[in-house]
Each structure stands twice: as structure tokens, then as C-alpha cells.
Amino acid sequence: MEEIKLAKETDLPEILDLQKKAFGEVAKLMNRYDLPPLLQSIEELRNEYQNGTILICVSEDNKIIGSVRGRMDNENVCHIGKLIVDPDAQNKGIGKTLMDRMERYFFSCRKFSLFTGEETPNTVYLYKKIGYQIVGMQNMGGIGMYLMEKEMI
């Protein structure tokens, strides 16, 4: 059975490899290979690690098969980033579980906020299913991105 836990700094190279594998699939769908997650360096990931929280999902054989990032700002908003699941392990509830754990980790947030691509209907569907709503649209580097939020009670 999979286990969700906090990432350690030693996990970062494996997380970055998984990120490139997962977003490689997205790049194929969009026919765009210049997506920021594909170009991220280990130094940039290390900076995210030092300034936020990274959760990982580890398989029974101790491989990282999923990850999500979060950080809280001064206005008590938690910004979610780069929910990734190994393409070979998708549609098994891993993404939903990672999001649930991140929301529980930042239980004192008043709102969660994230961006997802308009050309990735599976992620939009997942986020809507777990309570996020589209509140805006932004063009980021020629890519249409939905701003989605979830208010906490």
C-alpha cells in the first residue's frame, strides 16, 4: 500500500525525474515541450522545498509515484503547485489523496489556490471533484491556465 509523507531533501532528484515524466505526457498532449515543469532545475526545486512543503506518495517498493507542493502566504492562502502522479499509477486515487493530505497539512488556511492548464481536462475534473472552482483565467507563456480556488469553512 502507498504511503504519503513529507519529502526529504534527498528525495528531490527523484521528484524532479517524476515531474519530467508526468509533464512529458502533458507536453505530448499539448504538442509543447517548453512547459515550465519540464525546464525546472534541481536548484529551483530545492528553493521550492526550502520555502514550502512537498508531500510524496511512496509505493510499496519505495518508489516515489506522486507528489504535490504547497506554501502558505501572509494572507493565509495556501498555494498548491505541481500535483504529479506517475503516468503508470494514474486513476487510482493518488492525486486525490495527495490533495487531501496537503489540505489537512495546511488546515488553518482560509483558502487554497492553484493553476491548471485549460488543455488538461483530467486535472480540471479532479480539482472540481474535490471542491475547487474556476475563478479566473490567465495566459502564462502562451498557455491558458485556469485559476482554481477552494474556500475553507
C-alpha atoms as a PDB file:
ATOM      1  CA  MET A   1       0.000   0.000   0.000  1.00  0.00           C
ATOM      2  CA  GLU A   2       1.160   3.538  -0.791  1.00  0.00           C
ATOM      3  CA  GLU A   3       2.298   5.911   1.935  1.00  0.00           C
ATOM      4  CA  ILE A   4       2.024   9.714   1.943  1.00  0.00           C
ATOM      5  CA  LYS A   5       4.809  11.547   3.753  1.00  0.00           C
ATOM      6  CA  LEU A   6       6.852  14.734   3.808  1.00  0.00           C
ATOM      7  CA  ALA A   7       9.611  14.816   1.220  1.00  0.00           C
ATOM      8  CA  LYS A   8      13.221  14.984   2.360  1.00  0.00           C
ATOM      9  CA  GLU A   9      15.865  16.945   0.510  1.00  0.00           C
ATOM     10  CA  THR A  10      17.376  13.659  -0.685  1.00  0.00           C
ATOM     11  CA  ASP A  11      14.054  12.917  -2.471  1.00  0.00           C
ATOM     12  CA  LEU A  12      14.316  15.966  -4.737  1.00  0.00           C
ATOM     13  CA  PRO A  13      16.180  14.344  -7.683  1.00  0.00           C
ATOM     14  CA  GLU A  14      13.592  11.524  -7.818  1.00  0.00           C
ATOM     15  CA  ILE A  15      10.727  14.054  -7.578  1.00  0.00           C
ATOM     16  CA  LEU A  16      12.212  16.070 -10.446  1.00  0.00           C
ATOM     17  CA  ASP A  17      12.565  12.913 -12.576  1.00  0.00           C
ATOM     18  CA  LEU A  18       8.928  12.013 -11.886  1.00  0.00           C
ATOM     19  CA  GLN A  19       7.837  15.584 -12.647  1.00  0.00           C
ATOM     20  CA  LYS A  20       9.546  15.436 -16.038  1.00  0.00           C
ATOM     21  CA  LYS A  21       7.985  12.038 -16.772  1.00  0.00           C
ATOM     22  CA  ALA A  22       4.470  13.192 -15.795  1.00  0.00           C
ATOM     23  CA  PHE A  23       4.644  16.560 -17.549  1.00  0.00           C
ATOM     24  CA  GLY A  24       6.211  14.855 -20.571  1.00  0.00           C
ATOM     25  CA  GLU A  25       2.825  13.187 -21.063  1.00  0.00           C
ATOM     26  CA  VAL A  26       1.102  16.587 -20.809  1.00  0.00           C
ATOM     27  CA  ALA A  27       3.604  18.040 -23.297  1.00  0.00           C
ATOM     28  CA  LYS A  28       2.723  15.289 -25.798  1.00  0.00           C
ATOM     29  CA  LEU A  29      -0.999  16.113 -25.465  1.00  0.00           C
ATOM     30  CA  MET A  30      -0.338  19.807 -25.995  1.00  0.00           C
ATOM     31  CA  ASN A  31       2.499  19.328 -28.506  1.00  0.00           C
ATOM     32  CA  ARG A  32       4.540  21.791 -26.409  1.00  0.00           C
ATOM     33  CA  TYR A  33       7.852  20.744 -24.945  1.00  0.00           C
ATOM     34  CA  ASP A  34       8.717  24.079 -23.345  1.00  0.00           C
ATOM     35  CA  LEU A  35       6.414  23.688 -20.333  1.00  0.00           C
ATOM     36  CA  PRO A  36       7.987  25.215 -17.198  1.00  0.00           C
ATOM     37  CA  PRO A  37       7.798  21.934 -15.192  1.00  0.00           C
ATOM     38  CA  LEU A  38       9.900  20.262 -17.907  1.00  0.00           C
ATOM     39  CA  LEU A  39      12.516  23.010 -17.714  1.00  0.00           C
ATOM     40  CA  GLN A  40      12.744  23.285 -13.911  1.00  0.00           C
ATOM     41  CA  SER A  41      16.214  22.786 -12.454  1.00  0.00           C
ATOM     42  CA  ILE A  42      17.134  20.941  -9.273  1.00  0.00           C
ATOM     43  CA  GLU A  43      18.154  24.314  -7.775  1.00  0.00           C
ATOM     44  CA  GLU A  44      14.682  25.747  -8.433  1.00  0.00           C
ATOM     45  CA  LEU A  45      13.100  22.661  -6.887  1.00  0.00           C
ATOM     46  CA  ARG A  46      15.417  22.948  -3.869  1.00  0.00           C
ATOM     47  CA  ASN A  47      14.234  26.560  -3.453  1.00  0.00           C
ATOM     48  CA  GLU A  48      10.578  25.403  -3.501  1.00  0.00           C
ATOM     49  CA  TYR A  49      11.462  22.750  -0.930  1.00  0.00           C
ATOM     50  CA  GLN A  50      13.083  25.319   1.371  1.00  0.00           C
ATOM     51  CA  ASN A  51      10.166  27.767   1.070  1.00  0.00           C
ATOM     52  CA  GLY A  52       7.211  25.399   1.213  1.00  0.00           C
ATOM     53  CA  THR A  53       6.047  21.861   1.811  1.00  0.00           C
ATOM     54  CA  ILE A  54       6.384  18.909  -0.539  1.00  0.00           C
ATOM     55  CA  LEU A  55       4.404  15.744   0.066  1.00  0.00           C
ATOM     56  CA  ILE A  56       5.226  12.498  -1.702  1.00  0.00           C
ATOM     57  CA  CYS A  57       3.405   9.239  -2.286  1.00  0.00           C
ATOM     58  CA  VAL A  58       5.721   6.259  -1.988  1.00  0.00           C
ATOM     59  CA  SER A  59       4.877   2.827  -3.419  1.00  0.00           C
ATOM     60  CA  GLU A  60       5.352  -0.477  -1.627  1.00  0.00           C
ATOM     61  CA  ASP A  61       8.692  -0.879  -3.388  1.00  0.00           C
ATOM     62  CA  ASN A  62       9.794   2.539  -2.050  1.00  0.00           C
ATOM     63  CA  LYS A  63       9.475   4.469  -5.343  1.00  0.00           C
ATOM     64  CA  ILE A  64       8.034   7.977  -5.405  1.00  0.00           C
ATOM     65  CA  ILE A  65       4.897   7.726  -7.550  1.00  0.00           C
ATOM     66  CA  GLY A  66       3.280  11.055  -6.696  1.00  0.00           C
ATOM     67  CA  SER A  67       3.979  14.472  -5.262  1.00  0.00           C
ATOM     68  CA  VAL A  68       2.369  17.841  -4.549  1.00  0.00           C
ATOM     69  CA  ARG A  69       3.721  21.167  -3.305  1.00  0.00           C
ATOM     70  CA  GLY A  70       2.166  23.805  -1.099  1.00  0.00           C
ATOM     71  CA  ARG A  71       3.069  27.035   0.621  1.00  0.00           C
ATOM     72  CA  MET A  72       1.077  29.462   2.730  1.00  0.00           C
ATOM     73  CA  ASP A  73       1.268  33.198   2.107  1.00  0.00           C
ATOM     74  CA  ASN A  74       0.811  36.126   4.520  1.00  0.00           C
ATOM     75  CA  GLU A  75      -2.934  36.234   3.810  1.00  0.00           C
ATOM     76  CA  ASN A  76      -3.491  32.635   4.961  1.00  0.00           C
ATOM     77  CA  VAL A  77      -3.906  31.341   1.407  1.00  0.00           C
ATOM     78  CA  CYS A  78      -2.245  28.037   0.568  1.00  0.00           C
ATOM     79  CA  HIS A  79      -0.854  27.917  -2.958  1.00  0.00           C
ATOM     80  CA  ILE A  80      -0.809  24.403  -4.400  1.00  0.00           C
ATOM     81  CA  GLY A  81       1.637  23.530  -7.133  1.00  0.00           C
ATOM     82  CA  LYS A  82       2.721  20.684  -9.355  1.00  0.00           C
ATOM     83  CA  LEU A  83       0.464  17.828  -8.410  1.00  0.00           C
ATOM     84  CA  ILE A  84       2.155  14.944 -10.196  1.00  0.00           C
ATOM     85  CA  VAL A  85       1.390  11.242 -10.391  1.00  0.00           C
ATOM     86  CA  ASP A  86       3.425   8.690 -12.280  1.00  0.00           C
ATOM     87  CA  PRO A  87       1.559   8.054 -15.572  1.00  0.00           C
ATOM     88  CA  ASP A  88       1.733   4.315 -14.793  1.00  0.00           C
ATOM     89  CA  ALA A  89      -0.086   4.883 -11.478  1.00  0.00           C
ATOM     90  CA  GLN A  90      -2.783   7.372 -12.519  1.00  0.00           C
ATOM     91  CA  ASN A  91      -6.531   6.970 -11.956  1.00  0.00           C
ATOM     92  CA  LYS A  92      -6.005   5.132  -8.658  1.00  0.00           C
ATOM     93  CA  GLY A  93      -6.831   7.994  -6.280  1.00  0.00           C
ATOM     94  CA  ILE A  94      -3.231   9.048  -5.616  1.00  0.00           C
ATOM     95  CA  GLY A  95      -3.722  12.647  -6.762  1.00  0.00           C
ATOM     96  CA  LYS A  96      -6.908  12.980  -4.735  1.00  0.00           C
ATOM     97  CA  THR A  97      -5.174  11.548  -1.647  1.00  0.00           C
ATOM     98  CA  LEU A  98      -2.191  13.878  -2.038  1.00  0.00           C
ATOM     99  CA  MET A  99      -4.509  16.887  -2.316  1.00  0.00           C
ATOM    100  CA  ASP A 100      -6.471  15.767   0.746  1.00  0.00           C
ATOM    101  CA  ARG A 101      -3.283  15.400   2.780  1.00  0.00           C
ATOM    102  CA  MET A 102      -1.990  18.800   1.652  1.00  0.00           C
ATOM    103  CA  GLU A 103      -5.281  20.408   2.676  1.00  0.00           C
ATOM    104  CA  ARG A 104      -5.066  18.698   6.057  1.00  0.00           C
ATOM    105  CA  TYR A 105      -1.424  19.761   6.429  1.00  0.00           C
ATOM    106  CA  PHE A 106      -2.456  23.406   5.907  1.00  0.00           C
ATOM    107  CA  PHE A 107      -5.682  23.038   7.922  1.00  0.00           C
ATOM    108  CA  SER A 108      -5.541  26.659   9.124  1.00  0.00           C
ATOM    109  CA  CYS A 109      -5.672  28.135   5.607  1.00  0.00           C
ATOM    110  CA  ARG A 110      -8.744  30.145   4.723  1.00  0.00           C
ATOM    111  CA  LYS A 111      -8.422  29.268   1.033  1.00  0.00           C
ATOM    112  CA  PHE A 112      -6.481  27.018  -1.342  1.00  0.00           C
ATOM    113  CA  SER A 113      -5.426  28.306  -4.747  1.00  0.00           C
ATOM    114  CA  LEU A 114      -3.878  26.630  -7.795  1.00  0.00           C
ATOM    115  CA  PHE A 115      -3.384  26.939 -11.524  1.00  0.00           C
ATOM    116  CA  THR A 116      -4.024  24.181 -14.033  1.00  0.00           C
ATOM    117  CA  GLY A 117      -3.899  24.135 -17.811  1.00  0.00           C
ATOM    118  CA  GLU A 118      -7.093  24.502 -19.805  1.00  0.00           C
ATOM    119  CA  GLU A 119      -5.760  21.774 -22.109  1.00  0.00           C
ATOM    120  CA  THR A 120      -5.620  19.203 -19.294  1.00  0.00           C
ATOM    121  CA  PRO A 121      -9.268  18.279 -18.700  1.00  0.00           C
ATOM    122  CA  ASN A 122      -8.375  15.375 -16.365  1.00  0.00           C
ATOM    123  CA  THR A 123      -6.816  17.708 -13.807  1.00  0.00           C
ATOM    124  CA  VAL A 124      -9.657  20.224 -14.100  1.00  0.00           C
ATOM    125  CA  TYR A 125     -12.091  17.344 -13.491  1.00  0.00           C
ATOM    126  CA  LEU A 126     -10.128  16.136 -10.439  1.00  0.00           C
ATOM    127  CA  TYR A 127      -9.942  19.586  -8.874  1.00  0.00           C
ATOM    128  CA  LYS A 128     -13.656  20.240  -9.444  1.00  0.00           C
ATOM    129  CA  LYS A 129     -14.474  16.841  -7.941  1.00  0.00           C
ATOM    130  CA  ILE A 130     -12.639  17.734  -4.712  1.00  0.00           C
ATOM    131  CA  GLY A 131     -14.277  21.145  -4.348  1.00  0.00           C
ATOM    132  CA  TYR A 132     -12.215  23.618  -6.370  1.00  0.00           C
ATOM    133  CA  GLN A 133     -13.928  26.166  -8.614  1.00  0.00           C
ATOM    134  CA  ILE A 134     -12.608  28.054 -11.606  1.00  0.00           C
ATOM    135  CA  VAL A 135     -12.393  31.709 -10.581  1.00  0.00           C
ATOM    136  CA  GLY A 136     -10.274  33.102 -13.380  1.00  0.00           C
ATOM    137  CA  MET A 137      -8.118  32.543 -16.416  1.00  0.00           C
ATOM    138  CA  GLN A 138      -4.585  33.678 -17.144  1.00  0.00           C
ATOM    139  CA  ASN A 139      -2.251  33.351 -20.080  1.00  0.00           C
ATOM    140  CA  MET A 140       1.128  32.129 -18.859  1.00  0.00           C
ATOM    141  CA  GLY A 141       3.772  31.907 -21.541  1.00  0.00           C
ATOM    142  CA  GLY A 142       1.192  31.281 -24.247  1.00  0.00           C
ATOM    143  CA  ILE A 143      -0.616  28.640 -22.195  1.00  0.00           C
ATOM    144  CA  GLY A 144      -4.183  29.195 -20.980  1.00  0.00           C
ATOM    145  CA  MET A 145      -4.287  28.483 -17.258  1.00  0.00           C
ATOM    146  CA  TYR A 146      -7.352  28.282 -15.038  1.00  0.00           C
ATOM    147  CA  LEU A 147      -7.086  29.805 -11.576  1.00  0.00           C
ATOM    148  CA  MET A 148      -8.990  27.489  -9.248  1.00  0.00           C
ATOM    149  CA  GLU A 149      -9.786  28.050  -5.589  1.00  0.00           C
ATOM    150  CA  LYS A 150     -11.352  26.235  -2.696  1.00  0.00           C
ATOM    151  CA  GLU A 151     -12.682  28.219   0.253  1.00  0.00           C
ATOM    152  CA  MET A 152     -12.318  26.593   3.645  1.00  0.00           C
ATOM    153  CA  ILE A 153     -15.161  26.637   6.148  1.00  0.00           C
END
